Amino acid sequence: MHFMSAIATSPPPAQGFVKAHVLAGIYNTTAPTIYKWAATGKIPCIKFEGTIRFDLEKVRARIEGTEAAP
């Protein structure tokens, strides 16, 4: 067995607040792109204790166009 094939990767979280790098992995992009999307309002975010977090359910709804009207 190859060394790298023995390392299990954890699936992305199904819900909750995530960091930019986790969201980047889900959407196959980079963390700087995620921050840019947040800065331009493309995706929602929350500032929490000096960092930015992303509510995965709200981001998915925005990207998929299923976000509920306010």
N, C-alpha and C. Protein backbone atom coordinates (compact mmCIF):
# COMPACT_ATOMS: atom_id res chain seq x y z
N MET A 1 0.85 -1.17 0.00
CA MET A 1 0.00 0.00 0.00
C MET A 1 0.90 1.24 0.00
N HIS A 2 0.56 2.17 -0.80
CA HIS A 2 1.31 3.43 -0.89
C HIS A 2 1.03 4.26 0.36
N PHE A 3 2.05 4.98 0.83
CA PHE A 3 1.93 5.78 2.04
C PHE A 3 0.76 6.75 1.98
N MET A 4 0.61 7.49 0.90
CA MET A 4 -0.44 8.51 0.81
C MET A 4 -1.83 7.88 0.73
N SER A 5 -1.96 6.70 0.18
CA SER A 5 -3.28 6.09 0.08
C SER A 5 -3.79 5.62 1.44
N ALA A 6 -2.90 5.51 2.42
CA ALA A 6 -3.31 5.08 3.75
C ALA A 6 -3.87 6.22 4.58
N ILE A 7 -3.67 7.46 4.14
CA ILE A 7 -4.16 8.61 4.88
C ILE A 7 -5.60 8.88 4.50
N ALA A 8 -6.46 8.85 5.48
CA ALA A 8 -7.88 9.11 5.23
C ALA A 8 -8.13 10.61 5.23
N THR A 9 -8.93 11.05 4.30
CA THR A 9 -9.30 12.46 4.29
C THR A 9 -10.70 12.58 4.87
N SER A 10 -10.90 13.59 5.65
CA SER A 10 -12.21 13.77 6.26
C SER A 10 -13.13 14.49 5.29
N PRO A 11 -14.39 14.09 5.24
CA PRO A 11 -15.33 14.76 4.35
C PRO A 11 -15.61 16.17 4.84
N PRO A 12 -16.02 17.06 3.95
CA PRO A 12 -16.35 18.41 4.38
C PRO A 12 -17.55 18.38 5.32
N PRO A 13 -17.66 19.33 6.22
CA PRO A 13 -18.78 19.35 7.14
C PRO A 13 -20.10 19.54 6.40
N ALA A 14 -21.15 18.93 6.92
CA ALA A 14 -22.46 19.05 6.30
C ALA A 14 -23.13 20.37 6.63
N GLN A 15 -22.75 20.95 7.75
CA GLN A 15 -23.34 22.22 8.16
C GLN A 15 -22.45 22.89 9.19
N GLY A 16 -22.78 24.15 9.51
CA GLY A 16 -22.03 24.87 10.52
C GLY A 16 -21.17 25.96 9.93
N PHE A 17 -20.38 26.58 10.78
CA PHE A 17 -19.48 27.65 10.36
C PHE A 17 -18.13 27.06 10.01
N VAL A 18 -17.59 27.47 8.86
CA VAL A 18 -16.32 26.95 8.40
C VAL A 18 -15.37 28.09 8.05
N LYS A 19 -14.09 27.76 7.98
CA LYS A 19 -13.07 28.72 7.58
C LYS A 19 -12.99 28.77 6.05
N ALA A 20 -12.32 29.79 5.55
CA ALA A 20 -12.22 30.00 4.10
C ALA A 20 -11.56 28.82 3.40
N HIS A 21 -10.52 28.25 3.99
CA HIS A 21 -9.83 27.15 3.31
C HIS A 21 -10.72 25.92 3.17
N VAL A 22 -11.62 25.70 4.12
CA VAL A 22 -12.55 24.57 4.03
C VAL A 22 -13.55 24.83 2.90
N LEU A 23 -14.08 26.03 2.86
CA LEU A 23 -15.02 26.40 1.80
C LEU A 23 -14.34 26.33 0.43
N ALA A 24 -13.09 26.75 0.37
CA ALA A 24 -12.34 26.70 -0.88
C ALA A 24 -12.22 25.26 -1.37
N GLY A 25 -11.99 24.34 -0.45
CA GLY A 25 -11.90 22.93 -0.82
C GLY A 25 -13.21 22.39 -1.35
N ILE A 26 -14.30 22.81 -0.77
CA ILE A 26 -15.62 22.35 -1.20
C ILE A 26 -15.93 22.84 -2.61
N TYR A 27 -15.59 24.11 -2.88
CA TYR A 27 -15.91 24.72 -4.18
C TYR A 27 -14.73 24.75 -5.14
N ASN A 28 -13.69 23.99 -4.83
CA ASN A 28 -12.55 23.82 -5.71
C ASN A 28 -11.96 25.16 -6.18
N THR A 29 -11.69 26.01 -5.22
CA THR A 29 -11.09 27.30 -5.48
C THR A 29 -10.06 27.59 -4.39
N THR A 30 -9.64 28.83 -4.25
CA THR A 30 -8.64 29.17 -3.25
C THR A 30 -9.25 30.00 -2.13
N ALA A 31 -8.58 30.04 -0.99
CA ALA A 31 -9.05 30.86 0.13
C ALA A 31 -9.11 32.34 -0.26
N PRO A 32 -8.11 32.89 -0.98
CA PRO A 32 -8.23 34.31 -1.38
C PRO A 32 -9.48 34.58 -2.23
N THR A 33 -9.86 33.62 -3.06
CA THR A 33 -11.08 33.79 -3.86
C THR A 33 -12.31 33.82 -2.95
N ILE A 34 -12.32 32.97 -1.94
CA ILE A 34 -13.44 32.95 -0.99
C ILE A 34 -13.54 34.30 -0.29
N TYR A 35 -12.41 34.85 0.16
CA TYR A 35 -12.42 36.16 0.81
C TYR A 35 -12.90 37.25 -0.16
N LYS A 36 -12.51 37.14 -1.41
CA LYS A 36 -12.95 38.12 -2.41
C LYS A 36 -14.47 38.03 -2.61
N TRP A 37 -14.98 36.81 -2.70
CA TRP A 37 -16.43 36.63 -2.84
C TRP A 37 -17.17 37.25 -1.65
N ALA A 38 -16.62 37.07 -0.46
CA ALA A 38 -17.25 37.62 0.75
C ALA A 38 -17.20 39.15 0.72
N ALA A 39 -16.07 39.71 0.32
CA ALA A 39 -15.90 41.17 0.30
C ALA A 39 -16.84 41.83 -0.71
N THR A 40 -17.14 41.13 -1.79
CA THR A 40 -18.02 41.70 -2.82
C THR A 40 -19.49 41.34 -2.60
N GLY A 41 -19.77 40.56 -1.55
CA GLY A 41 -21.16 40.20 -1.25
C GLY A 41 -21.68 39.01 -2.02
N LYS A 42 -20.82 38.32 -2.75
CA LYS A 42 -21.27 37.15 -3.50
C LYS A 42 -21.71 36.04 -2.56
N ILE A 43 -21.02 35.91 -1.42
CA ILE A 43 -21.40 34.92 -0.42
C ILE A 43 -21.46 35.60 0.95
N PRO A 44 -22.35 35.12 1.83
CA PRO A 44 -22.44 35.70 3.16
C PRO A 44 -21.32 35.22 4.08
N CYS A 45 -20.96 36.07 5.03
CA CYS A 45 -19.95 35.69 6.00
C CYS A 45 -20.25 36.38 7.32
N ILE A 46 -19.54 35.96 8.36
CA ILE A 46 -19.68 36.58 9.66
C ILE A 46 -18.29 36.77 10.23
N LYS A 47 -18.06 37.92 10.85
CA LYS A 47 -16.79 38.16 11.52
C LYS A 47 -16.94 37.66 12.95
N PHE A 48 -16.02 36.82 13.36
CA PHE A 48 -16.10 36.17 14.65
C PHE A 48 -14.74 36.18 15.32
N GLU A 49 -14.61 36.89 16.42
CA GLU A 49 -13.38 36.98 17.19
C GLU A 49 -12.16 37.28 16.31
N GLY A 50 -12.30 38.27 15.44
CA GLY A 50 -11.20 38.70 14.60
C GLY A 50 -10.96 37.87 13.36
N THR A 51 -11.79 36.88 13.11
CA THR A 51 -11.67 36.07 11.90
C THR A 51 -12.98 36.07 11.14
N ILE A 52 -12.94 35.59 9.93
CA ILE A 52 -14.15 35.49 9.12
C ILE A 52 -14.54 34.03 9.04
N ARG A 53 -15.80 33.76 9.27
CA ARG A 53 -16.34 32.41 9.15
C ARG A 53 -17.51 32.44 8.18
N PHE A 54 -17.81 31.28 7.64
CA PHE A 54 -18.86 31.16 6.64
C PHE A 54 -19.87 30.11 7.08
N ASP A 55 -21.14 30.50 7.10
CA ASP A 55 -22.21 29.57 7.42
C ASP A 55 -22.44 28.72 6.18
N LEU A 56 -22.06 27.47 6.24
CA LEU A 56 -22.08 26.60 5.07
C LEU A 56 -23.46 26.51 4.42
N GLU A 57 -24.51 26.42 5.22
CA GLU A 57 -25.86 26.33 4.67
C GLU A 57 -26.23 27.60 3.90
N LYS A 58 -25.90 28.76 4.46
CA LYS A 58 -26.23 30.02 3.80
C LYS A 58 -25.41 30.23 2.53
N VAL A 59 -24.14 29.83 2.58
CA VAL A 59 -23.31 29.93 1.38
C VAL A 59 -23.85 29.03 0.28
N ARG A 60 -24.18 27.80 0.62
CA ARG A 60 -24.74 26.87 -0.38
C ARG A 60 -26.03 27.43 -0.97
N ALA A 61 -26.89 27.96 -0.13
CA ALA A 61 -28.15 28.53 -0.62
C ALA A 61 -27.90 29.69 -1.57
N ARG A 62 -26.94 30.55 -1.25
CA ARG A 62 -26.63 31.69 -2.11
C ARG A 62 -26.07 31.22 -3.45
N ILE A 63 -25.12 30.30 -3.40
CA ILE A 63 -24.49 29.83 -4.63
C ILE A 63 -25.47 29.05 -5.49
N GLU A 64 -26.31 28.25 -4.87
CA GLU A 64 -27.26 27.44 -5.62
C GLU A 64 -28.53 28.21 -5.99
N GLY A 65 -28.64 29.44 -5.51
CA GLY A 65 -29.79 30.26 -5.85
C GLY A 65 -31.06 29.88 -5.13
N THR A 66 -30.94 29.20 -3.98
CA THR A 66 -32.13 28.77 -3.23
C THR A 66 -32.30 29.55 -1.94
N GLU A 67 -31.60 30.69 -1.84
CA GLU A 67 -31.66 31.50 -0.64
C GLU A 67 -33.06 32.07 -0.45
N ALA A 68 -33.57 31.99 0.77
CA ALA A 68 -34.90 32.50 1.08
C ALA A 68 -34.89 34.03 1.04
N ALA A 69 -36.00 34.60 0.62
CA ALA A 69 -36.12 36.05 0.58
C ALA A 69 -36.16 36.60 2.01
N PRO A 70 -35.56 37.78 2.24
CA PRO A 70 -35.56 38.35 3.60
C PRO A 70 -36.93 38.74 4.07
